Amino acid sequence: MQVTREQFKTIFDKYFDDIRRYLYYRCGDEALSTDLAQDTFMRIWEKDLVLLPGKDAGLLYKIAGDLFVSHTRRDKLRQEAPERIRFESGSRTPEEELEMQELQEKYEKALVKLPENQRIVFLMSRMEELTYAEIASRLTISVKAVEKRMSGALARLRKEINA
């Protein structure tokens, strides 16, 4: 049975504060916990999920937990990416060293400008050395979607670095 507006409102009123508190206990950030709680209910509404009496709370907590984990992973990747990517410095001349530093800065700026979905796929491939199939499995998307995001990321990086 699909959720009607009235049923959704009832479920929202009944569980929103509990979901928000659950998320707050996990992250310690009031604003983030409110945002993720709202996203949880948006998922229910947008996907027109079927809620069964007695099992609706479990589904809400599962969605909220998954959203929190996804947010944490994205945030961690966003913060660590520029630090983890360093160009090797060997026996270079000062001019070559300066060029490498400039290239590193361009790369980091270009990486931050990538759309989130492309940046995540790119970093999973390059930093975690995952195959496209592994990335697709983790992100629950098709391998073709991974290929498209990766080719888009590489094209944008080339364009930004060579600009």
Protein backbone atom coordinates (compact mmCIF):
# COMPACT_ATOMS: atom_id res chain seq x y z
CA MET A 1 0.00 0.00 0.00
CA GLN A 2 1.33 3.41 -0.96
CA VAL A 3 1.73 6.10 1.66
CA THR A 4 -0.94 8.79 1.57
CA ARG A 5 -0.24 12.35 2.60
CA GLU A 6 -2.04 11.83 5.91
CA GLN A 7 -0.14 8.62 6.66
CA PHE A 8 3.14 10.30 5.82
CA LYS A 9 2.33 13.22 8.10
CA THR A 10 1.43 10.81 10.92
CA ILE A 11 4.66 8.85 10.48
CA PHE A 12 6.68 12.07 10.25
CA ASP A 13 5.11 13.50 13.43
CA LYS A 14 5.55 10.22 15.28
CA TYR A 15 9.18 9.45 14.36
CA PHE A 16 10.98 12.63 13.26
CA ASP A 17 12.28 13.62 16.70
CA ASP A 18 13.39 10.05 17.45
CA ILE A 19 15.25 9.76 14.14
CA ARG A 20 16.88 13.16 14.66
CA ARG A 21 18.01 12.18 18.17
CA TYR A 22 19.38 8.87 16.88
CA LEU A 23 21.40 10.72 14.25
CA TYR A 24 22.53 13.32 16.78
CA TYR A 25 23.87 10.56 19.04
CA ARG A 26 25.84 9.21 16.10
CA CYS A 27 27.31 12.49 14.83
CA GLY A 28 27.04 15.05 17.65
CA ASP A 29 26.03 17.76 15.17
CA GLU A 30 22.53 19.14 15.62
CA ALA A 31 22.26 20.74 12.17
CA LEU A 32 23.56 17.64 10.39
CA SER A 33 21.26 15.35 12.35
CA THR A 34 18.26 17.51 11.41
CA ASP A 35 19.28 17.54 7.74
CA LEU A 36 19.77 13.78 7.63
CA ALA A 37 16.48 13.17 9.43
CA GLN A 38 14.71 15.31 6.83
CA ASP A 39 16.51 13.42 4.06
CA THR A 40 15.31 10.16 5.60
CA PHE A 41 11.68 11.21 5.31
CA MET A 42 12.28 12.65 1.84
CA ARG A 43 13.48 9.22 0.74
CA ILE A 44 10.26 7.66 1.98
CA TRP A 45 8.19 10.27 0.16
CA GLU A 46 10.18 10.41 -3.10
CA LYS A 47 10.52 6.67 -3.52
CA ASP A 48 6.90 6.16 -2.51
CA LEU A 49 7.99 3.32 -0.23
CA VAL A 50 5.48 0.93 1.24
CA LEU A 51 5.39 1.14 5.02
CA LEU A 52 4.06 -1.77 6.98
CA PRO A 53 2.63 -1.22 10.46
CA GLY A 54 5.16 -2.28 13.06
CA LYS A 55 8.03 -2.23 10.58
CA ASP A 56 8.01 1.45 9.65
CA ALA A 57 10.36 2.45 12.49
CA GLY A 58 12.93 -0.15 11.47
CA LEU A 59 12.92 1.08 7.89
CA LEU A 60 13.30 4.69 8.99
CA TYR A 61 16.25 3.88 11.25
CA LYS A 62 17.88 1.81 8.49
CA ILE A 63 17.54 4.64 5.96
CA ALA A 64 18.80 7.19 8.51
CA GLY A 65 21.81 5.02 9.38
CA ASP A 66 22.64 4.49 5.71
CA LEU A 67 22.40 8.22 5.01
CA PHE A 68 24.71 8.94 7.94
CA VAL A 69 27.30 6.41 6.77
CA SER A 70 27.15 7.77 3.21
CA HIS A 71 27.55 11.33 4.45
CA THR A 72 30.50 10.34 6.64
CA ARG A 73 32.26 8.54 3.78
CA ARG A 74 31.76 11.45 1.37
CA ASP A 75 32.97 13.92 3.97
CA LYS A 76 36.02 11.82 4.75
CA LEU A 77 36.91 11.48 1.06
CA ARG A 78 36.45 15.21 0.53
CA GLN A 79 38.79 16.04 3.42
CA GLU A 80 41.45 13.42 2.80
CA ALA A 81 41.72 13.57 -0.97
CA PRO A 82 44.05 16.55 -1.36
CA GLU A 83 46.27 15.33 1.50
CA ARG A 84 46.58 11.79 0.19
CA ILE A 85 47.51 12.75 -3.33
CA ARG A 86 51.11 13.89 -3.47
CA PHE A 87 53.39 13.87 -6.41
CA GLU A 88 56.64 11.99 -5.97
CA SER A 89 59.66 14.18 -5.54
CA GLY A 90 62.92 12.65 -6.59
CA SER A 91 66.13 14.20 -7.81
CA ARG A 92 64.66 17.23 -9.52
CA THR A 93 66.00 20.64 -10.23
CA PRO A 94 64.46 23.57 -8.35
CA GLU A 95 62.59 24.54 -11.54
CA GLU A 96 61.14 21.05 -11.89
CA GLU A 97 60.20 21.07 -8.22
CA LEU A 98 58.37 24.38 -8.68
CA GLU A 99 56.52 23.01 -11.71
CA MET A 100 55.50 19.94 -9.69
CA GLN A 101 54.17 22.14 -6.87
CA GLU A 102 52.16 24.19 -9.36
CA LEU A 103 50.82 21.01 -10.96
CA GLN A 104 49.88 19.67 -7.50
CA GLU A 105 47.98 22.88 -6.70
CA LYS A 106 46.14 22.81 -10.05
CA TYR A 107 45.25 19.17 -9.48
CA GLU A 108 43.88 19.80 -5.99
CA LYS A 109 41.81 22.77 -7.19
CA ALA A 110 40.48 20.77 -10.14
CA LEU A 111 39.60 17.85 -7.86
CA VAL A 112 37.55 20.10 -5.57
CA LYS A 113 35.65 21.51 -8.59
CA LEU A 114 34.52 18.07 -9.76
CA PRO A 115 30.86 17.20 -9.19
CA GLU A 116 30.55 15.02 -6.11
CA ASN A 117 29.49 11.87 -7.97
CA GLN A 118 32.49 12.11 -10.33
CA ARG A 119 34.94 12.93 -7.52
CA ILE A 120 33.79 9.95 -5.46
CA VAL A 121 34.19 7.52 -8.38
CA PHE A 122 37.56 9.01 -9.33
CA LEU A 123 38.93 8.80 -5.78
CA MET A 124 37.60 5.29 -5.21
CA SER A 125 39.35 4.20 -8.38
CA ARG A 126 42.62 6.04 -7.83
CA MET A 127 42.99 6.10 -4.07
CA GLU A 128 41.38 2.82 -3.03
CA GLU A 129 42.35 1.13 -6.30
CA LEU A 130 38.89 -0.37 -6.70
CA THR A 131 37.69 -1.83 -9.99
CA TYR A 132 34.69 -0.31 -11.73
CA ALA A 133 32.63 -3.34 -10.69
CA GLU A 134 33.61 -2.88 -7.03
CA ILE A 135 32.77 0.83 -7.20
CA ALA A 136 29.43 0.07 -8.84
CA SER A 137 28.64 -2.44 -6.12
CA ARG A 138 29.51 -0.05 -3.29
CA LEU A 139 27.57 2.84 -4.77
CA THR A 140 24.72 0.62 -5.96
CA ILE A 141 24.94 1.92 -9.52
CA SER A 142 25.72 0.21 -12.81
CA VAL A 143 29.23 -0.31 -14.14
CA LYS A 144 28.24 1.87 -17.13
CA ALA A 145 27.38 4.70 -14.73
CA VAL A 146 30.81 4.33 -13.11
CA GLU A 147 32.47 4.42 -16.54
CA LYS A 148 30.55 7.55 -17.49
CA ARG A 149 31.38 9.33 -14.24
CA MET A 150 35.03 8.36 -14.51
CA SER A 151 35.37 9.55 -18.10
CA GLY A 152 33.66 12.81 -17.12
CA ALA A 153 36.02 13.25 -14.17
CA LEU A 154 39.10 12.61 -16.29
CA ALA A 155 37.93 15.02 -19.00
CA ARG A 156 37.25 17.77 -16.45
CA LEU A 157 40.58 17.20 -14.69
CA ARG A 158 42.49 17.39 -17.99
CA LYS A 159 40.65 20.55 -18.96
CA GLU A 160 41.24 22.26 -15.59
CA ILE A 161 44.90 21.26 -15.30
CA ASN A 162 45.74 22.26 -18.88
CA ALA A 163 43.86 25.56 -18.69
